[in-house]
C-alpha atoms as a PDB file:
ATOM      1  CA  MET A   1    -131.287 -40.791  10.999  1.00  0.00           C
ATOM      2  CA  LYS A   2    -134.150 -40.668   9.456  1.00  0.00           C
ATOM      3  CA  SER A   3    -137.465 -38.508  11.448  1.00  0.00           C
ATOM      4  CA  THR A   4    -139.920 -41.017  12.676  1.00  0.00           C
ATOM      5  CA  LYS A   5    -142.184 -37.926  13.368  1.00  0.00           C
ATOM      6  CA  GLN A   6    -145.584 -38.105  11.890  1.00  0.00           C
ATOM      7  CA  PHE A   7    -148.090 -34.431  11.787  1.00  0.00           C
ATOM      8  CA  HIS A   8    -151.605 -35.602  11.945  1.00  0.00           C
ATOM      9  CA  CYS A   9    -154.130 -33.061   9.686  1.00  0.00           C
ATOM     10  CA  PRO A  10    -155.829 -31.338  12.941  1.00  0.00           C
ATOM     11  CA  LEU A  11    -159.287 -32.140  10.386  1.00  0.00           C
ATOM     12  CA  CYS A  12    -159.525 -35.494   9.035  1.00  0.00           C
ATOM     13  CA  GLY A  13    -156.518 -37.160  11.186  1.00  0.00           C
ATOM     14  CA  ILE A  14    -154.351 -38.321   8.520  1.00  0.00           C
ATOM     15  CA  SER A  15    -150.749 -38.876   9.125  1.00  0.00           C
ATOM     16  CA  ALA A  16    -147.968 -36.629   6.781  1.00  0.00           C
ATOM     17  CA  ALA A  17    -144.429 -37.388   6.633  1.00  0.00           C
ATOM     18  CA  SER A  18    -143.374 -33.256   7.661  1.00  0.00           C
ATOM     19  CA  GLU A  19    -144.668 -30.697   7.810  1.00  0.00           C
ATOM     20  CA  HIS A  20    -144.255 -29.517   4.394  1.00  0.00           C
ATOM     21  CA  HIS A  21    -146.884 -31.936   3.133  1.00  0.00           C
ATOM     22  CA  LEU A  22    -149.305 -31.947   5.867  1.00  0.00           C
ATOM     23  CA  GLN A  23    -149.428 -27.546   5.180  1.00  0.00           C
ATOM     24  CA  LYS A  24    -150.137 -29.152   0.986  1.00  0.00           C
ATOM     25  CA  HIS A  25    -152.971 -31.662   2.044  1.00  0.00           C
ATOM     26  CA  ILE A  26    -154.168 -29.079   4.278  1.00  0.00           C
ATOM     27  CA  ASN A  27    -154.096 -26.339   1.129  1.00  0.00           C
ATOM     28  CA  GLY A  28    -154.913 -28.940  -1.269  1.00  0.00           C
ATOM     29  CA  SER A  29    -158.447 -29.813  -3.486  1.00  0.00           C
ATOM     30  CA  SER A  30    -161.585 -31.388  -0.971  1.00  0.00           C
ATOM     31  CA  ARG A  31    -161.165 -33.026  -4.582  1.00  0.00           C
ATOM     32  CA  TYR A  32    -158.094 -35.299  -3.956  1.00  0.00           C
ATOM     33  CA  GLY A  33    -158.931 -35.426  -0.139  1.00  0.00           C
ATOM     34  CA  GLY A  34    -157.684 -31.851   0.290  1.00  0.00           C
ATOM     35  CA  HIS A  35    -159.383 -29.350   2.593  1.00  0.00           C
ATOM     36  CA  ASP A  36    -158.896 -26.320   0.040  1.00  0.00           C
ATOM     37  CA  GLY A  37    -157.251 -24.315   2.744  1.00  0.00           C
ATOM     38  CA  MET A  38    -159.322 -24.978   5.878  1.00  0.00           C
ATOM     39  CA  GLY A  39    -157.537 -24.450   8.810  1.00  0.00           C
ATOM     40  CA  ARG A  40    -154.573 -23.404   7.501  1.00  0.00           C
ATOM     41  CA  THR A  41    -151.279 -23.895   9.875  1.00  0.00           C
ATOM     42  CA  ASP A  42    -149.629 -20.971   8.557  1.00  0.00           C
ATOM     43  CA  GLN A  43    -151.650 -18.312   9.904  1.00  0.00           C
ATOM     44  CA  PRO A  44    -150.937 -16.382  12.994  1.00  0.00           C
ATOM     45  CA  SER A  45    -153.425 -17.445  15.919  1.00  0.00           C
ATOM     46  CA  PRO A  46    -153.612 -14.933  18.862  1.00  0.00           C
ATOM     47  CA  VAL A  47    -152.763 -18.186  20.904  1.00  0.00           C
ATOM     48  CA  PRO A  48    -149.655 -19.601  20.970  1.00  0.00           C
ATOM     49  CA  ARG A  49    -150.577 -22.993  20.944  1.00  0.00           C
ATOM     50  CA  PRO A  50    -149.151 -26.165  18.963  1.00  0.00           C
ATOM     51  CA  ALA A  51    -151.639 -26.218  15.586  1.00  0.00           C
ATOM     52  CA  LEU A  52    -150.786 -30.393  15.457  1.00  0.00           C
ATOM     53  CA  SER A  53    -151.370 -31.354  19.003  1.00  0.00           C
ATOM     54  CA  GLU A  54    -151.840 -34.529  20.283  1.00  0.00           C
ATOM     55  CA  PRO A  55    -154.490 -35.250  22.634  1.00  0.00           C
ATOM     56  CA  ALA A  56    -153.363 -37.286  25.781  1.00  0.00           C
ATOM     57  CA  ASP A  57    -157.359 -39.243  24.980  1.00  0.00           C
ATOM     58  CA  PRO A  58    -157.384 -41.292  22.383  1.00  0.00           C
ATOM     59  CA  LEU A  59    -160.680 -41.146  22.189  1.00  0.00           C
ATOM     60  CA  LEU A  60    -160.386 -37.727  22.507  1.00  0.00           C
ATOM     61  CA  ARG A  61    -158.742 -37.364  19.517  1.00  0.00           C
ATOM     62  CA  ASP A  62    -160.644 -40.098  17.592  1.00  0.00           C
ATOM     63  CA  TYR A  63    -163.701 -38.232  17.750  1.00  0.00           C
ATOM     64  CA  LEU A  64    -162.911 -35.006  17.168  1.00  0.00           C
ATOM     65  CA  VAL A  65    -160.923 -36.472  13.928  1.00  0.00           C
ATOM     66  CA  LEU A  66    -164.607 -37.738  13.266  1.00  0.00           C
ATOM     67  CA  LEU A  67    -166.171 -34.552  13.918  1.00  0.00           C
ATOM     68  CA  ASN A  68    -163.983 -33.031  11.062  1.00  0.00           C
ATOM     69  CA  ARG A  69    -164.184 -35.297   8.333  1.00  0.00           C
ATOM     70  CA  TRP A  70    -168.547 -35.455   8.882  1.00  0.00           C
ATOM     71  CA  ARG A  71    -168.896 -31.849   8.911  1.00  0.00           C
ATOM     72  CA  ALA A  72    -167.801 -32.434   5.372  1.00  0.00           C
ATOM     73  CA  VAL A  73    -171.023 -34.502   5.224  1.00  0.00           C
ATOM     74  CA  PRO A  74    -174.618 -32.795   3.603  1.00  0.00           C
ATOM     75  CA  LYS A  75    -176.121 -34.230   6.089  1.00  0.00           C
ATOM     76  CA  TYR A  76    -174.001 -34.456   9.112  1.00  0.00           C
ATOM     77  CA  GLN A  77    -175.782 -32.345  11.826  1.00  0.00           C
ATOM     78  CA  TYR A  78    -172.367 -31.054  13.278  1.00  0.00           C
ATOM     79  CA  GLU A  79    -173.800 -28.724  14.666  1.00  0.00           C
ATOM     80  CA  ARG A  80    -175.552 -30.703  17.238  1.00  0.00           C
ATOM     81  CA  ALA A  81    -173.084 -32.979  17.464  1.00  0.00           C
ATOM     82  CA  THR A  82    -170.506 -30.516  18.976  1.00  0.00           C
ATOM     83  CA  GLY A  83    -173.418 -29.424  21.439  1.00  0.00           C
ATOM     84  CA  THR A  84    -172.706 -31.089  24.330  1.00  0.00           C
ATOM     85  CA  LEU A  85    -168.309 -31.441  24.267  1.00  0.00           C
ATOM     86  CA  LEU A  86    -168.511 -27.038  23.690  1.00  0.00           C
ATOM     87  CA  ALA A  87    -171.168 -27.392  26.660  1.00  0.00           C
ATOM     88  CA  LEU A  88    -168.931 -28.494  28.726  1.00  0.00           C
ATOM     89  CA  PHE A  89    -166.476 -25.251  28.635  1.00  0.00           C
ATOM     90  CA  LEU A  90    -169.621 -23.306  28.277  1.00  0.00           C
ATOM     91  CA  PRO A  91    -169.584 -22.024  31.673  1.00  0.00           C
ATOM     92  CA  SER A  92    -165.786 -21.618  32.072  1.00  0.00           C
ATOM     93  CA  PHE A  93    -166.182 -19.897  28.959  1.00  0.00           C
ATOM     94  CA  LEU A  94    -169.167 -17.117  29.967  1.00  0.00           C
ATOM     95  CA  GLU A  95    -166.788 -16.345  33.081  1.00  0.00           C
ATOM     96  CA  TRP A  96    -163.849 -15.479  31.443  1.00  0.00           C
ATOM     97  CA  LYS A  97    -166.088 -13.115  29.220  1.00  0.00           C
ATOM     98  CA  LEU A  98    -168.581 -11.859  31.619  1.00  0.00           C
ATOM     99  CA  GLY A  99    -167.118 -12.228  35.327  1.00  0.00           C
ATOM    100  CA  GLY A 100    -169.437 -13.417  37.737  1.00  0.00           C
ATOM    101  CA  SER A 101    -170.000 -17.408  38.429  1.00  0.00           C
ATOM    102  CA  VAL A 102    -172.113 -19.276  35.503  1.00  0.00           C
ATOM    103  CA  THR A 103    -173.642 -22.565  35.693  1.00  0.00           C
ATOM    104  CA  LEU A 104    -175.177 -24.586  33.111  1.00  0.00           C
ATOM    105  CA  ILE A 105    -178.920 -25.226  33.929  1.00  0.00           C
ATOM    106  CA  ALA A 106    -180.078 -27.126  30.632  1.00  0.00           C
ATOM    107  CA  PRO A 107    -179.920 -27.076  27.066  1.00  0.00           C
ATOM    108  CA  GLU A 108    -182.749 -26.683  24.911  1.00  0.00           C
ATOM    109  CA  PHE A 109    -184.608 -24.316  26.517  1.00  0.00           C
ATOM    110  CA  PRO A 110    -188.270 -24.014  24.727  1.00  0.00           C
ATOM    111  CA  LEU A 111    -188.870 -20.309  23.960  1.00  0.00           C
ATOM    112  CA  LYS A 112    -192.944 -19.661  23.358  1.00  0.00           C
ATOM    113  CA  LYS A 113    -193.889 -17.447  20.682  1.00  0.00           C
ATOM    114  CA  ALA A 114    -195.891 -14.580  21.463  1.00  0.00           C
ATOM    115  CA  GLY A 115    -199.131 -15.061  19.902  1.00  0.00           C
ATOM    116  CA  SER A 116    -198.386 -18.086  19.330  1.00  0.00           C
ATOM    117  CA  ALA A 117    -198.802 -22.197  20.588  1.00  0.00           C
ATOM    118  CA  GLN A 118    -195.793 -22.922  19.072  1.00  0.00           C
ATOM    119  CA  SER A 119    -191.842 -22.531  20.132  1.00  0.00           C
ATOM    120  CA  THR A 120    -188.282 -22.674  19.704  1.00  0.00           C
ATOM    121  CA  ASN A 121    -185.739 -23.193  21.685  1.00  0.00           C
ATOM    122  CA  ALA A 122    -182.685 -21.869  22.441  1.00  0.00           C
ATOM    123  CA  ASP A 123    -179.381 -24.265  22.942  1.00  0.00           C
ATOM    124  CA  PHE A 124    -178.795 -23.665  26.437  1.00  0.00           C
ATOM    125  CA  LEU A 125    -180.049 -22.262  29.368  1.00  0.00           C
ATOM    126  CA  LEU A 126    -177.419 -20.914  31.929  1.00  0.00           C
ATOM    127  CA  ASN A 127    -177.092 -18.889  35.339  1.00  0.00           C
ATOM    128  CA  ARG A 128    -175.040 -16.573  35.481  1.00  0.00           C
ATOM    129  CA  ARG A 129    -174.250 -14.838  39.388  1.00  0.00           C
ATOM    130  CA  ASP A 130    -172.538 -11.329  39.193  1.00  0.00           C
ATOM    131  CA  PRO A 131    -169.720 -10.405  41.694  1.00  0.00           C
ATOM    132  CA  SER A 132    -172.542  -8.596  43.593  1.00  0.00           C
ATOM    133  CA  GLY A 133    -174.631 -11.553  44.195  1.00  0.00           C
ATOM    134  CA  GLN A 134    -177.389 -10.587  42.132  1.00  0.00           C
ATOM    135  CA  ASP A 135    -178.633 -13.169  39.221  1.00  0.00           C
ATOM    136  CA  GLU A 136    -179.648 -13.401  35.803  1.00  0.00           C
ATOM    137  CA  TRP A 137    -180.438 -15.930  33.543  1.00  0.00           C
ATOM    138  CA  ILE A 138    -178.659 -16.520  29.887  1.00  0.00           C
ATOM    139  CA  LEU A 139    -179.885 -18.418  27.095  1.00  0.00           C
ATOM    140  CA  ALA A 140    -176.789 -18.898  24.766  1.00  0.00           C
ATOM    141  CA  GLU A 141    -177.420 -20.360  21.343  1.00  0.00           C
ATOM    142  CA  LEU A 142    -173.964 -21.785  19.569  1.00  0.00           C
ATOM    143  CA  LYS A 143    -173.557 -20.859  16.184  1.00  0.00           C
ATOM    144  CA  THR A 144    -170.941 -23.985  14.603  1.00  0.00           C
ATOM    145  CA  ASP A 145    -172.218 -23.796  11.102  1.00  0.00           C
ATOM    146  CA  ARG A 146    -173.497 -20.469   9.172  1.00  0.00           C
ATOM    147  CA  SER A 147    -176.686 -22.432   7.041  1.00  0.00           C
ATOM    148  CA  SER A 148    -178.396 -22.556  10.608  1.00  0.00           C
ATOM    149  CA  ARG A 149    -177.801 -18.911  11.380  1.00  0.00           C
ATOM    150  CA  ARG A 150    -182.082 -17.920  11.515  1.00  0.00           C
ATOM    151  CA  ASP A 151    -183.025 -14.043  11.361  1.00  0.00           C
ATOM    152  CA  ASP A 152    -186.688 -15.509  12.927  1.00  0.00           C
ATOM    153  CA  GLN A 153    -185.227 -17.305  15.951  1.00  0.00           C
ATOM    154  CA  LEU A 154    -183.396 -14.200  16.423  1.00  0.00           C
ATOM    155  CA  GLN A 155    -185.761 -12.014  15.958  1.00  0.00           C
ATOM    156  CA  VAL A 156    -188.111 -14.106  18.455  1.00  0.00           C
ATOM    157  CA  TYR A 157    -185.123 -13.456  20.754  1.00  0.00           C
ATOM    158  CA  GLN A 158    -185.215 -10.179  20.388  1.00  0.00           C
ATOM    159  CA  ALA A 159    -188.988  -9.952  21.709  1.00  0.00           C
ATOM    160  CA  LEU A 160    -188.189 -11.986  24.854  1.00  0.00           C
ATOM    161  CA  LEU A 161    -185.107  -9.462  25.517  1.00  0.00           C
ATOM    162  CA  LYS A 162    -187.602  -7.100  28.261  1.00  0.00           C
ATOM    163  CA  THR A 163    -188.864 -10.578  29.386  1.00  0.00           C
ATOM    164  CA  THR A 164    -188.268 -12.017  32.587  1.00  0.00           C
ATOM    165  CA  PRO A 165    -187.595 -15.333  33.997  1.00  0.00           C
ATOM    166  CA  GLY A 166    -190.887 -15.351  35.438  1.00  0.00           C
ATOM    167  CA  VAL A 167    -192.325 -14.765  32.048  1.00  0.00           C
ATOM    168  CA  LEU A 168    -189.999 -17.433  30.437  1.00  0.00           C
ATOM    169  CA  MET A 169    -191.449 -20.551  32.846  1.00  0.00           C
ATOM    170  CA  ARG A 170    -194.873 -19.796  31.995  1.00  0.00           C
ATOM    171  CA  GLY A 171    -194.367 -19.897  28.478  1.00  0.00           C
ATOM    172  CA  LEU A 172    -192.976 -23.028  29.701  1.00  0.00           C
ATOM    173  CA  GLN A 173    -195.994 -24.235  31.208  1.00  0.00           C
ATOM    174  CA  GLN A 174    -198.071 -23.193  28.092  1.00  0.00           C
ATOM    175  CA  VAL A 175    -196.025 -25.385  25.977  1.00  0.00           C
ATOM    176  CA  GLU A 176    -195.877 -28.488  28.241  1.00  0.00           C
ATOM    177  CA  ALA A 177    -199.947 -28.581  28.960  1.00  0.00           C
ATOM    178  CA  ARG A 178    -199.785 -29.070  24.603  1.00  0.00           C
ATOM    179  CA  SER A 179    -197.196 -31.550  24.580  1.00  0.00           C
ATOM    180  CA  ALA A 180    -197.363 -35.325  24.538  1.00  0.00           C
ATOM    181  CA  LYS A 181    -193.741 -35.300  26.568  1.00  0.00           C
ATOM    182  CA  LYS A 182    -195.099 -33.842  30.259  1.00  0.00           C
ATOM    183  CA  GLN A 183    -192.409 -35.685  31.835  1.00  0.00           C
ATOM    184  CA  LYS A 184    -189.710 -34.439  29.817  1.00  0.00           C
ATOM    185  CA  TYR A 185    -191.332 -31.216  30.550  1.00  0.00           C
ATOM    186  CA  ARG A 186    -191.448 -32.150  34.374  1.00  0.00           C
ATOM    187  CA  TYR A 187    -187.420 -33.464  34.950  1.00  0.00           C
ATOM    188  CA  LEU A 188    -186.481 -29.866  33.036  1.00  0.00           C
ATOM    189  CA  ARG A 189    -188.327 -27.266  35.429  1.00  0.00           C
ATOM    190  CA  GLY A 190    -186.282 -30.136  38.008  1.00  0.00           C
ATOM    191  CA  LEU A 191    -183.482 -28.934  36.525  1.00  0.00           C
ATOM    192  CA  ILE A 192    -184.126 -25.173  36.942  1.00  0.00           C
ATOM    193  CA  GLY A 193    -185.407 -25.885  40.636  1.00  0.00           C
ATOM    194  CA  SER A 194    -188.080 -24.249  43.254  1.00  0.00           C
ATOM    195  CA  SER A 195    -185.514 -21.389  44.271  1.00  0.00           C
ATOM    196  CA  PRO A 196    -186.334 -17.684  43.479  1.00  0.00           C
ATOM    197  CA  LEU A 197    -185.981 -16.771  39.859  1.00  0.00           C
ATOM    198  CA  PRO A 198    -183.827 -13.720  38.599  1.00  0.00           C
ATOM    199  CA  ASP A 199    -185.483 -10.879  37.251  1.00  0.00           C
ATOM    200  CA  LYS A 200    -182.707 -10.328  34.030  1.00  0.00           C
ATOM    201  CA  VAL A 201    -182.948 -12.449  30.953  1.00  0.00           C
ATOM    202  CA  ARG A 202    -179.716 -12.246  28.514  1.00  0.00           C
ATOM    203  CA  PHE A 203    -179.143 -13.789  25.385  1.00  0.00           C
ATOM    204  CA  VAL A 204    -175.241 -14.800  24.379  1.00  0.00           C
ATOM    205  CA  ILE A 205    -174.605 -15.313  20.661  1.00  0.00           C
ATOM    206  CA  ILE A 206    -171.390 -17.053  20.062  1.00  0.00           C
ATOM    207  CA  SER A 207    -170.703 -17.212  16.417  1.00  0.00           C
ATOM    208  CA  GLN A 208    -168.277 -17.378  13.116  1.00  0.00           C
ATOM    209  CA  ASP A 209    -170.464 -13.703  11.683  1.00  0.00           C
ATOM    210  CA  PRO A 210    -171.739 -11.728  14.782  1.00  0.00           C
ATOM    211  CA  GLU A 211    -174.628  -9.412  13.322  1.00  0.00           C
ATOM    212  CA  LYS A 212    -174.016  -6.706  16.391  1.00  0.00           C
ATOM    213  CA  ASP A 213    -175.195  -4.379  14.065  1.00  0.00           C
ATOM    214  CA  ALA A 214    -178.731  -5.724  13.068  1.00  0.00           C
ATOM    215  CA  PHE A 215    -178.945  -7.031  16.563  1.00  0.00           C
ATOM    216  CA  PRO A 216    -177.156  -4.930  18.563  1.00  0.00           C
ATOM    217  CA  GLU A 217    -179.018  -6.029  21.799  1.00  0.00           C
ATOM    218  CA  PHE A 218    -177.557  -9.043  21.670  1.00  0.00           C
ATOM    219  CA  ILE A 219    -173.707  -9.900  23.531  1.00  0.00           C
ATOM    220  CA  TRP A 220    -172.610 -11.277  20.500  1.00  0.00           C
ATOM    221  CA  LEU A 221    -168.918 -13.414  20.950  1.00  0.00           C
ATOM    222  CA  THR A 222    -167.149 -15.269  18.726  1.00  0.00           C
ATOM    223  CA  PHE A 223    -165.063 -18.948  18.032  1.00  0.00           C
ATOM    224  CA  ARG A 224    -161.551 -16.518  18.523  1.00  0.00           C
ATOM    225  CA  ASP A 225    -162.987 -15.036  21.183  1.00  0.00           C
ATOM    226  CA  TRP A 226    -163.332 -18.364  22.385  1.00  0.00           C
ATOM    227  CA  GLN A 227    -159.682 -19.977  21.201  1.00  0.00           C
ATOM    228  CA  GLU A 228    -158.252 -17.040  23.596  1.00  0.00           C
ATOM    229  CA  MET A 229    -159.784 -18.556  27.008  1.00  0.00           C
ATOM    230  CA  PRO A 230    -157.354 -19.621  29.460  1.00  0.00           C
ATOM    231  CA  ALA A 231    -157.458 -23.451  30.381  1.00  0.00           C
ATOM    232  CA  PRO A 232    -160.071 -24.236  32.826  1.00  0.00           C
ATOM    233  CA  PRO A 233    -159.024 -26.038  36.034  1.00  0.00           C
ATOM    234  CA  ARG A 234    -161.313 -29.122  35.296  1.00  0.00           C
ATOM    235  CA  TRP A 235    -160.657 -29.490  31.827  1.00  0.00           C
ATOM    236  CA  ASP A 236    -157.100 -28.642  31.760  1.00  0.00           C
ATOM    237  CA  THR A 237    -155.711 -31.920  30.267  1.00  0.00           C
ATOM    238  CA  GLN A 238    -158.511 -31.784  28.087  1.00  0.00           C
ATOM    239  CA  TRP A 239    -159.123 -28.159  26.697  1.00  0.00           C
ATOM    240  CA  PRO A 240    -155.903 -27.506  24.128  1.00  0.00           C
ATOM    241  CA  SER A 241    -157.453 -31.042  22.316  1.00  0.00           C
ATOM    242  CA  VAL A 242    -160.776 -29.403  22.593  1.00  0.00           C
ATOM    243  CA  ARG A 243    -159.140 -25.848  21.883  1.00  0.00           C
ATOM    244  CA  ASP A 244    -156.821 -26.726  18.631  1.00  0.00           C
ATOM    245  CA  HIS A 245    -159.293 -29.738  17.126  1.00  0.00           C
ATOM    246  CA  LEU A 246    -162.997 -27.826  17.805  1.00  0.00           C
ATOM    247  CA  ILE A 247    -162.378 -24.518  18.290  1.00  0.00           C
ATOM    248  CA  GLY A 248    -159.281 -23.399  16.174  1.00  0.00           C
ATOM    249  CA  PRO A 249    -160.929 -24.327  13.152  1.00  0.00           C
ATOM    250  CA  LEU A 250    -163.930 -22.660  13.519  1.00  0.00           C
ATOM    251  CA  ALA A 251    -162.227 -19.446  14.738  1.00  0.00           C
ATOM    252  CA  ASP A 252    -159.492 -20.158  11.485  1.00  0.00           C
ATOM    253  CA  GLU A 253    -162.665 -19.864   9.455  1.00  0.00           C
ATOM    254  CA  GLU A 254    -163.960 -16.012  10.753  1.00  0.00           C
ATOM    255  CA  LYS A 255    -159.457 -15.036  10.473  1.00  0.00           C
ATOM    256  CA  ARG A 256    -160.618 -15.628   6.714  1.00  0.00           C
ATOM    257  CA  SER A 257    -163.837 -13.822   6.058  1.00  0.00           C
ATOM    258  CA  SER A 258    -163.120 -10.765   8.226  1.00  0.00           C
END
């Protein structure tokens, strides 16, 4: 009896009759609907995972398929589109890599530039409590798109390395004073809360191309690191899908460029 099993492309969702046909599709030219070898299934993975696992939730599957399809569209803001979903798994990833307990506070935290009224935004603000009970702030950047990497932004972070959360909050108040969206800034300050601020801030950058030599002061992590993370208890059902169909292709790109 002929098998009816379908093999779904993790990058665009198209179905193939066999794994061989799927591999030909992935390795084929993008001019003819392929992916130029992107996300190849014949490469060894640091995680024993089924490369073509079916998401348990059809909505999640369709969402991940759209993300991978639209990533090739010139003006599609893939990094923003993936940020909210990855944020759900970010605290677990940082706990796994850094230890302690990590809490997500807010996205897009404004950082005032020294000697200027302008600011740049860190993707996420988190609080980490180490095993001894000491708190620190973590400002995290997710660089899922190589073109989004900006040295001028990293230089702003570099200048803030020796500062404290208290200084960052004063900068936030100065940015708020010049903004017409004061209600949103008040909401952001409410997310941070009124508890005593920690004394330390660190920067974590998750990137396909770590620049450890140029910016050794930061904590550099990769999507290959993230791919190896055990399933977080809260999202143990959803994690295999996100790992295989979102983080996996990013990690595969790292392998090919290394």
